[in-house]
Protein backbone atom coordinates (compact mmCIF):
# COMPACT_ATOMS: atom_id res chain seq x y z
CA UNK A 1 68.96 -61.78 13.54
CA UNK A 2 69.03 -65.25 15.12
CA UNK A 3 65.82 -64.49 17.02
CA UNK A 4 64.21 -63.32 13.80
CA UNK A 5 65.15 -66.50 11.94
CA UNK A 6 63.84 -68.67 14.77
CA UNK A 7 60.54 -66.80 14.68
CA UNK A 8 60.21 -67.26 10.95
CA UNK A 9 61.06 -70.93 11.35
CA UNK A 10 58.23 -71.27 13.85
CA UNK A 11 55.87 -69.60 11.42
CA UNK A 12 56.67 -72.19 8.80
CA UNK A 13 54.88 -74.68 11.05
CA UNK A 14 51.66 -72.88 10.20
CA UNK A 15 51.66 -74.42 6.70
CA UNK A 16 48.40 -73.92 4.90
CA UNK A 17 47.83 -70.29 5.81
CA UNK A 18 51.23 -68.92 4.91
CA UNK A 19 52.02 -65.92 2.76
CA UNK A 20 54.40 -66.66 -0.10
CA UNK A 21 57.82 -68.17 0.49
CA UNK A 22 59.26 -65.33 -1.59
CA UNK A 23 57.81 -62.81 0.87
CA UNK A 24 59.66 -64.60 3.66
CA UNK A 25 62.91 -64.42 1.70
CA UNK A 26 62.38 -60.70 1.10
CA UNK A 27 61.63 -60.02 4.76
CA UNK A 28 64.69 -61.99 5.88
CA UNK A 29 66.82 -60.11 3.35
CA UNK A 30 65.60 -56.75 4.70
CA UNK A 31 66.54 -57.93 8.19
CA UNK A 32 69.94 -59.12 6.94
CA UNK A 33 70.93 -55.77 5.41
CA UNK A 34 74.22 -56.36 3.61
CA UNK A 35 74.70 -59.76 5.25
CA UNK A 36 74.05 -63.09 3.46
CA UNK A 37 70.48 -64.30 3.00
CA UNK A 38 68.50 -66.85 1.01
CA UNK A 39 67.32 -64.17 -1.40
CA UNK A 40 70.89 -63.04 -2.06
CA UNK A 41 71.97 -66.62 -2.63
CA UNK A 42 69.18 -67.26 -5.13
CA UNK A 43 69.33 -64.01 -7.13
CA UNK A 44 72.07 -62.09 -8.96
CA UNK A 45 73.39 -58.83 -7.55
CA UNK A 46 71.30 -55.96 -8.96
CA UNK A 47 72.87 -53.22 -11.02
CA UNK A 48 72.79 -49.62 -9.80
CA UNK A 49 72.92 -47.03 -12.58
CA UNK A 50 72.77 -43.23 -12.40
CA UNK A 51 70.00 -41.94 -14.66
CA UNK A 52 69.17 -38.36 -15.61
CA UNK A 53 65.72 -37.24 -16.68
CA UNK A 54 63.73 -34.08 -17.30
CA UNK A 55 60.01 -33.46 -16.81
CA UNK A 56 58.57 -30.20 -18.18
CA UNK A 57 62.06 -28.70 -18.17
CA UNK A 58 62.81 -29.72 -14.57
CA UNK A 59 66.05 -31.71 -14.50
CA UNK A 60 66.63 -34.55 -12.06
CA UNK A 61 68.81 -37.56 -11.50
CA UNK A 62 68.57 -40.73 -9.47
CA UNK A 63 69.77 -44.29 -9.09
CA UNK A 64 68.02 -47.08 -10.98
CA UNK A 65 68.29 -50.57 -9.49
CA UNK A 66 67.61 -53.55 -11.75
CA UNK A 67 68.07 -57.29 -11.44
CA UNK A 68 68.50 -59.77 -14.30
CA UNK A 69 65.35 -60.36 -16.27
CA UNK A 70 62.43 -58.07 -16.94
CA UNK A 71 61.01 -56.13 -13.99
CA UNK A 72 57.54 -57.17 -12.88
CA UNK A 73 56.68 -53.70 -11.51
CA UNK A 74 58.32 -50.34 -10.81
CA UNK A 75 58.66 -48.32 -7.64
CA UNK A 76 59.99 -44.85 -6.80
CA UNK A 77 61.73 -45.15 -3.44
CA UNK A 78 61.90 -41.74 -1.76
CA UNK A 79 64.73 -41.10 0.74
CA UNK A 80 63.98 -39.71 4.16
CA UNK A 81 65.66 -36.61 5.57
CA UNK A 82 69.24 -37.86 5.85
CA UNK A 83 72.63 -36.39 4.96
CA UNK A 84 73.46 -39.45 2.86
CA UNK A 85 70.31 -39.02 0.74
CA UNK A 86 69.93 -41.71 -1.89
CA UNK A 87 73.28 -43.15 -0.78
CA UNK A 88 72.12 -43.99 2.75
CA UNK A 89 73.30 -47.55 3.39
CA UNK A 90 69.91 -48.72 4.69
CA UNK A 91 68.12 -47.27 1.67
CA UNK A 92 70.62 -48.84 -0.72
CA UNK A 93 70.15 -52.23 0.95
CA UNK A 94 66.35 -51.96 0.74
CA UNK A 95 66.49 -50.88 -2.92
CA UNK A 96 68.65 -53.91 -3.68
CA UNK A 97 66.18 -56.18 -1.91
CA UNK A 98 63.28 -54.84 -3.97
CA UNK A 99 65.31 -55.16 -7.16
CA UNK A 100 66.06 -58.80 -6.30
CA UNK A 101 62.27 -59.23 -6.02
CA UNK A 102 61.99 -57.99 -9.63
CA UNK A 103 60.97 -54.40 -9.00
CA UNK A 104 62.58 -51.68 -11.08
CA UNK A 105 63.61 -49.28 -8.30
CA UNK A 106 64.22 -45.58 -8.92
CA UNK A 107 65.71 -43.64 -5.99
CA UNK A 108 65.68 -39.93 -6.86
CA UNK A 109 68.32 -37.48 -5.71
CA UNK A 110 66.51 -34.82 -3.66
CA UNK A 111 68.99 -32.23 -2.47
CA UNK A 112 66.73 -30.62 0.12
CA UNK A 113 66.33 -33.95 1.93
CA UNK A 114 70.12 -34.32 2.00
CA UNK A 115 70.17 -30.91 3.68
CA UNK A 116 67.59 -32.20 6.21
CA UNK A 117 64.99 -29.82 4.77
CA UNK A 118 61.50 -31.10 4.02
CA UNK A 119 59.76 -28.73 1.63
CA UNK A 120 56.48 -28.59 -0.32
CA UNK A 121 58.66 -28.69 -3.45
CA UNK A 122 59.47 -32.30 -2.60
CA UNK A 123 55.97 -33.21 -3.81
CA UNK A 124 56.99 -32.16 -7.33
CA UNK A 125 60.30 -34.03 -7.00
CA UNK A 126 58.43 -37.25 -6.29
CA UNK A 127 55.81 -36.59 -8.96
CA UNK A 128 58.51 -36.08 -11.58
CA UNK A 129 60.39 -39.23 -10.57
CA UNK A 130 57.21 -41.28 -10.89
CA UNK A 131 56.32 -39.66 -14.21
CA UNK A 132 59.73 -40.65 -15.54
CA UNK A 133 59.42 -44.21 -14.25
CA UNK A 134 56.05 -44.86 -15.91
CA UNK A 135 57.22 -43.20 -19.13
CA UNK A 136 59.55 -46.20 -19.56
CA UNK A 137 57.30 -49.22 -20.27
CA UNK A 138 60.15 -51.62 -19.57
CA UNK A 139 60.37 -50.28 -15.99
CA UNK A 140 56.63 -50.35 -15.27
CA UNK A 141 55.22 -53.23 -17.32
CA UNK A 142 51.49 -52.99 -17.76
CA UNK A 143 51.55 -49.71 -15.85
CA UNK A 144 52.35 -51.51 -12.58
CA UNK A 145 54.14 -48.85 -10.53
CA UNK A 146 54.03 -47.23 -7.12
CA UNK A 147 55.85 -45.07 -4.61
CA UNK A 148 57.61 -46.04 -1.38
CA UNK A 149 58.73 -43.59 1.30
CA UNK A 150 60.13 -43.44 4.80
CA UNK A 151 59.48 -41.17 7.75
CA UNK A 152 58.76 -37.53 6.90
CA UNK A 153 58.94 -38.33 3.17
CA UNK A 154 55.67 -40.29 3.43
CA UNK A 155 53.76 -36.99 3.32
CA UNK A 156 55.25 -35.73 0.03
CA UNK A 157 54.91 -39.25 -1.42
CA UNK A 158 51.18 -39.44 -0.68
CA UNK A 159 50.62 -35.88 -1.88
CA UNK A 160 52.43 -36.75 -5.11
CA UNK A 161 50.14 -39.77 -5.48
CA UNK A 162 47.22 -37.28 -5.28
CA UNK A 163 48.68 -35.05 -8.00
CA UNK A 164 46.41 -34.86 -11.07
CA UNK A 165 49.48 -35.47 -13.24
CA UNK A 166 50.00 -39.02 -11.97
CA UNK A 167 47.02 -39.85 -9.70
CA UNK A 168 45.48 -42.31 -12.15
CA UNK A 169 48.80 -44.13 -12.66
CA UNK A 170 49.97 -44.69 -9.08
CA UNK A 171 48.91 -48.25 -8.26
CA UNK A 172 50.30 -48.43 -4.72
CA UNK A 173 52.09 -46.51 -1.97
CA UNK A 174 54.33 -48.04 0.70
CA UNK A 175 54.77 -45.83 3.77
CA UNK A 176 57.15 -46.75 6.60
CA UNK A 177 57.13 -44.72 9.81
CA UNK A 178 55.10 -41.88 8.32
CA UNK A 179 52.91 -39.08 9.68
CA UNK A 180 49.40 -37.67 9.32
CA UNK A 181 48.91 -34.58 11.51
CA UNK A 182 51.71 -32.00 11.56
CA UNK A 183 50.61 -30.41 14.85
CA UNK A 184 50.63 -33.77 16.62
CA UNK A 185 54.07 -34.62 15.23
CA UNK A 186 55.51 -31.28 16.36
CA UNK A 187 53.92 -31.84 19.77
CA UNK A 188 55.64 -35.21 20.01
CA UNK A 189 59.16 -34.26 18.99
CA UNK A 190 59.18 -31.10 21.14
CA UNK A 191 57.49 -32.45 24.27
CA UNK A 192 57.51 -36.26 23.99
CA UNK A 193 53.72 -36.40 24.37
CA UNK A 194 51.29 -38.07 21.97
CA UNK A 195 47.72 -39.28 22.28
CA UNK A 196 47.08 -43.02 22.16
CA UNK A 197 44.21 -44.76 20.36
CA UNK A 198 41.82 -43.78 23.17
CA UNK A 199 42.84 -40.12 23.13
CA UNK A 200 44.83 -40.23 26.37
CA UNK A 201 48.19 -38.47 26.59
CA UNK A 202 51.18 -40.81 26.55
CA UNK A 203 54.84 -39.89 26.92
CA UNK A 204 58.01 -41.44 25.59
CA UNK A 205 61.44 -39.97 25.04
CA UNK A 206 61.57 -38.59 21.48
CA UNK A 207 64.57 -38.74 19.23
CA UNK A 208 65.73 -35.08 19.02
CA UNK A 209 66.55 -35.57 15.35
CA UNK A 210 62.98 -34.63 14.40
CA UNK A 211 63.21 -31.29 16.20
CA UNK A 212 66.27 -30.18 14.29
CA UNK A 213 65.01 -31.42 10.93
CA UNK A 214 61.98 -29.20 11.60
CA UNK A 215 64.25 -26.25 12.37
CA UNK A 216 66.40 -26.74 9.27
CA UNK A 217 63.29 -27.18 7.12
CA UNK A 218 61.96 -23.78 8.22
CA UNK A 219 64.93 -21.61 9.16
CA UNK A 220 65.28 -20.18 5.65
CA UNK A 221 61.76 -18.77 5.97
CA UNK A 222 62.76 -16.44 8.81
CA UNK A 223 63.15 -12.83 7.69
CA UNK A 224 66.14 -11.89 9.85
CA UNK A 225 69.59 -13.20 8.78
CA UNK A 226 70.74 -13.24 12.39
CA UNK A 227 67.81 -15.47 13.36
CA UNK A 228 68.59 -17.83 10.50
CA UNK A 229 72.24 -18.02 11.49
CA UNK A 230 71.53 -18.57 15.20
CA UNK A 231 68.94 -21.29 14.72
CA UNK A 232 71.05 -23.05 12.09
CA UNK A 233 73.92 -23.03 14.59
CA UNK A 234 71.61 -24.50 17.25
CA UNK A 235 70.68 -27.32 14.88
CA UNK A 236 74.32 -28.02 14.03
CA UNK A 237 75.26 -28.20 17.71
CA UNK A 238 72.39 -30.44 18.75
CA UNK A 239 72.71 -32.78 15.77
CA UNK A 240 76.35 -33.28 16.72
CA UNK A 241 75.63 -33.49 20.46
CA UNK A 242 72.03 -33.64 21.75
CA UNK A 243 73.14 -32.21 25.10
CA UNK A 244 75.07 -29.24 23.71
CA UNK A 245 74.08 -25.82 25.20
CA UNK A 246 72.17 -23.51 22.87
CA UNK A 247 70.92 -20.83 25.27
CA UNK A 248 73.73 -18.47 24.31
CA UNK A 249 72.53 -18.48 20.72
CA UNK A 250 69.00 -17.50 21.75
CA UNK A 251 69.90 -14.23 23.47
CA UNK A 252 69.66 -11.96 20.46
CA UNK A 253 66.83 -13.59 18.54
CA UNK A 254 64.27 -11.29 16.93
CA UNK A 255 60.51 -11.96 17.38
CA UNK A 256 60.25 -14.50 14.54
CA UNK A 257 63.30 -16.45 15.68
CA UNK A 258 62.15 -16.26 19.29
CA UNK A 259 58.76 -17.70 18.31
CA UNK A 260 60.45 -20.71 16.76
CA UNK A 261 62.84 -21.10 19.70
CA UNK A 262 59.99 -20.92 22.21
CA UNK A 263 58.30 -23.80 20.41
CA UNK A 264 61.48 -25.89 20.53
CA UNK A 265 62.04 -25.52 24.27
CA UNK A 266 58.39 -25.89 25.30
CA UNK A 267 57.53 -29.03 27.31
CA UNK A 268 53.76 -28.59 27.66
CA UNK A 269 51.76 -30.33 24.89
CA UNK A 270 48.71 -28.14 25.50
CA UNK A 271 50.71 -25.02 24.55
CA UNK A 272 51.85 -26.30 21.16
CA UNK A 273 48.89 -25.09 19.02
CA UNK A 274 49.26 -21.57 20.38
CA UNK A 275 53.02 -21.58 19.85
CA UNK A 276 52.56 -22.79 16.28
CA UNK A 277 50.12 -19.94 15.66
CA UNK A 278 52.90 -17.47 16.58
CA UNK A 279 55.24 -18.76 13.87
CA UNK A 280 55.75 -16.60 10.78
CA UNK A 281 53.13 -17.11 8.08
CA UNK A 282 55.57 -18.64 5.52
CA UNK A 283 56.39 -21.41 8.01
CA UNK A 284 52.72 -22.01 8.78
CA UNK A 285 51.93 -22.09 5.06
CA UNK A 286 54.64 -24.68 4.34
CA UNK A 287 53.46 -26.79 7.26
CA UNK A 288 49.89 -26.68 5.97
CA UNK A 289 51.02 -27.71 2.49
CA UNK A 290 52.62 -30.88 3.88
CA UNK A 291 50.03 -31.59 6.58
CA UNK A 292 48.07 -34.65 5.44
CA UNK A 293 45.33 -33.95 7.98
CA UNK A 294 44.53 -30.75 6.07
CA UNK A 295 44.29 -32.45 2.67
CA UNK A 296 41.39 -34.19 0.95
CA UNK A 297 42.67 -37.76 0.71
CA UNK A 298 39.43 -39.13 -0.78
CA UNK A 299 40.71 -38.75 -4.34
CA UNK A 300 43.61 -41.15 -3.73
CA UNK A 301 43.33 -44.10 -6.10
CA UNK A 302 46.40 -46.03 -5.00
CA UNK A 303 46.40 -48.90 -2.54
CA UNK A 304 48.33 -47.89 0.58
CA UNK A 305 50.49 -50.22 2.68
CA UNK A 306 51.55 -48.57 5.97
CA UNK A 307 54.09 -49.95 8.47
CA UNK A 308 55.05 -48.49 11.83
CA UNK A 309 56.66 -49.55 15.08
CA UNK A 310 55.33 -48.80 18.55
CA UNK A 311 58.90 -48.10 19.63
CA UNK A 312 59.33 -45.35 17.02
CA UNK A 313 60.99 -42.37 18.73
CA UNK A 314 60.81 -40.01 15.72
CA UNK A 315 57.14 -40.23 14.69
CA UNK A 316 54.64 -42.00 17.00
CA UNK A 317 52.91 -45.09 15.63
CA UNK A 318 49.51 -43.49 16.17
CA UNK A 319 50.21 -41.29 13.15
CA UNK A 320 50.02 -44.28 10.81
CA UNK A 321 46.80 -45.40 12.51
CA UNK A 322 45.29 -41.94 12.02
CA UNK A 323 46.45 -41.83 8.41
CA UNK A 324 44.91 -45.23 7.72
CA UNK A 325 41.60 -44.06 9.19
CA UNK A 326 41.60 -41.00 6.92
CA UNK A 327 42.27 -42.88 3.67
CA UNK A 328 39.53 -44.28 1.41
CA UNK A 329 38.04 -47.45 2.94
CA UNK A 330 39.23 -50.70 1.40
CA UNK A 331 42.38 -49.15 -0.07
CA UNK A 332 44.68 -49.26 2.95
CA UNK A 333 46.33 -51.81 5.19
CA UNK A 334 48.26 -50.77 8.28
CA UNK A 335 50.74 -52.89 10.20
CA UNK A 336 51.87 -51.75 13.65
CA UNK A 337 54.43 -53.95 15.38
CA UNK A 338 56.11 -53.58 18.72
CA UNK A 339 59.73 -54.01 17.76
CA UNK A 340 60.05 -52.28 14.41
CA UNK A 341 62.48 -49.37 14.66
CA UNK A 342 61.81 -46.05 12.92
CA UNK A 343 62.86 -47.24 9.45
CA UNK A 344 64.79 -50.42 10.17
CA UNK A 345 64.09 -53.88 11.52
CA UNK A 346 65.16 -54.67 15.05
CA UNK A 347 64.64 -57.88 17.05
CA UNK A 348 61.30 -59.34 15.98
CA UNK A 349 58.86 -61.34 18.06
CA UNK A 350 56.68 -64.09 16.62
CA UNK A 351 53.56 -61.98 16.08
CA UNK A 352 55.55 -59.06 14.66
CA UNK A 353 57.32 -61.36 12.18
CA UNK A 354 53.98 -62.79 11.07
CA UNK A 355 52.41 -59.35 10.55
CA UNK A 356 55.41 -58.09 8.61
CA UNK A 357 55.42 -61.22 6.48
CA UNK A 358 51.81 -60.46 5.51
CA UNK A 359 52.70 -56.83 4.76
CA UNK A 360 55.60 -57.85 2.51
CA UNK A 361 53.38 -60.40 0.77
CA UNK A 362 50.90 -57.58 0.04
CA UNK A 363 53.70 -55.48 -1.44
CA UNK A 364 54.85 -58.32 -3.68
CA UNK A 365 51.26 -58.82 -4.84
CA UNK A 366 51.48 -55.37 -6.47
CA UNK A 367 53.55 -57.04 -9.20
CA UNK A 368 50.50 -59.03 -10.32
CA UNK A 369 48.43 -57.85 -13.31
């Protein structure tokens, strides 16, 4: 934190080409988490209220964060795949920061994400949350509203923004640590290999969390109950202890379960496409439905603000670069910094702090008419 503050202090010397002071306060508040900050000192504590809503008979609930005074824009903030869901401490802190900046923030409860299961149905969950938000003029004044998402939830968020039901209303999308190509992401979290900007293979140690979220997202699509039980047990073991043995659970797997297991233990990036092709069709269909590289992104009307860290061990930063390249020209900005963690700020260098300041300033500009 001290290093971050010193960096921001140095940036203040660049007077004349600065983003807004408010953007600096917001960025420092994100870095502070629940600790004191200038933004906290200058704004009242936001309220957090449970709201229930229904869209076309589909019932949902979520937390609505509001500060004193009228909101200047609204945002649906989508949780990542985490057991704490909308109650994740980092998500709560970020929602409070945005509320202090006069966003009306709706964080939907998405049970599958709490269960570490990313499903095509999450697209509808996000679409419904946004539809509810913009149906309340006091939460999205002048129709100013967008969607923010982290990690694997960036895919469903962007696909929701493409939905005909809300496409013309989504003004902006904020994506932190997101993905573009499902095959490349699977290659990374199973083997540690990804291709850099020049197409060369690079290796870094992946966070095993992504592997087991993938397993839990797909295990219910296996036909054999024994396969589902064994692979669920593998995920439970490895999420509790990444070094726990799982070979004993693989001994009696049927062909579908074995195909998934073979993908998990493979270390050769060149074999991944063939191993994916062996997966059961329901798994391949769900993957395709969430694979942004297989979608037509040209119809997206929202402005997109992407952030990623080169040190990300869950999804490689090159995914945000590829996503930015695939989006409509002139509607996307991408910020890649060296020291940004997967979805949280770590120690920031001078250049990283400056780039993030600009990105936050762009987000705050979405409140303008």
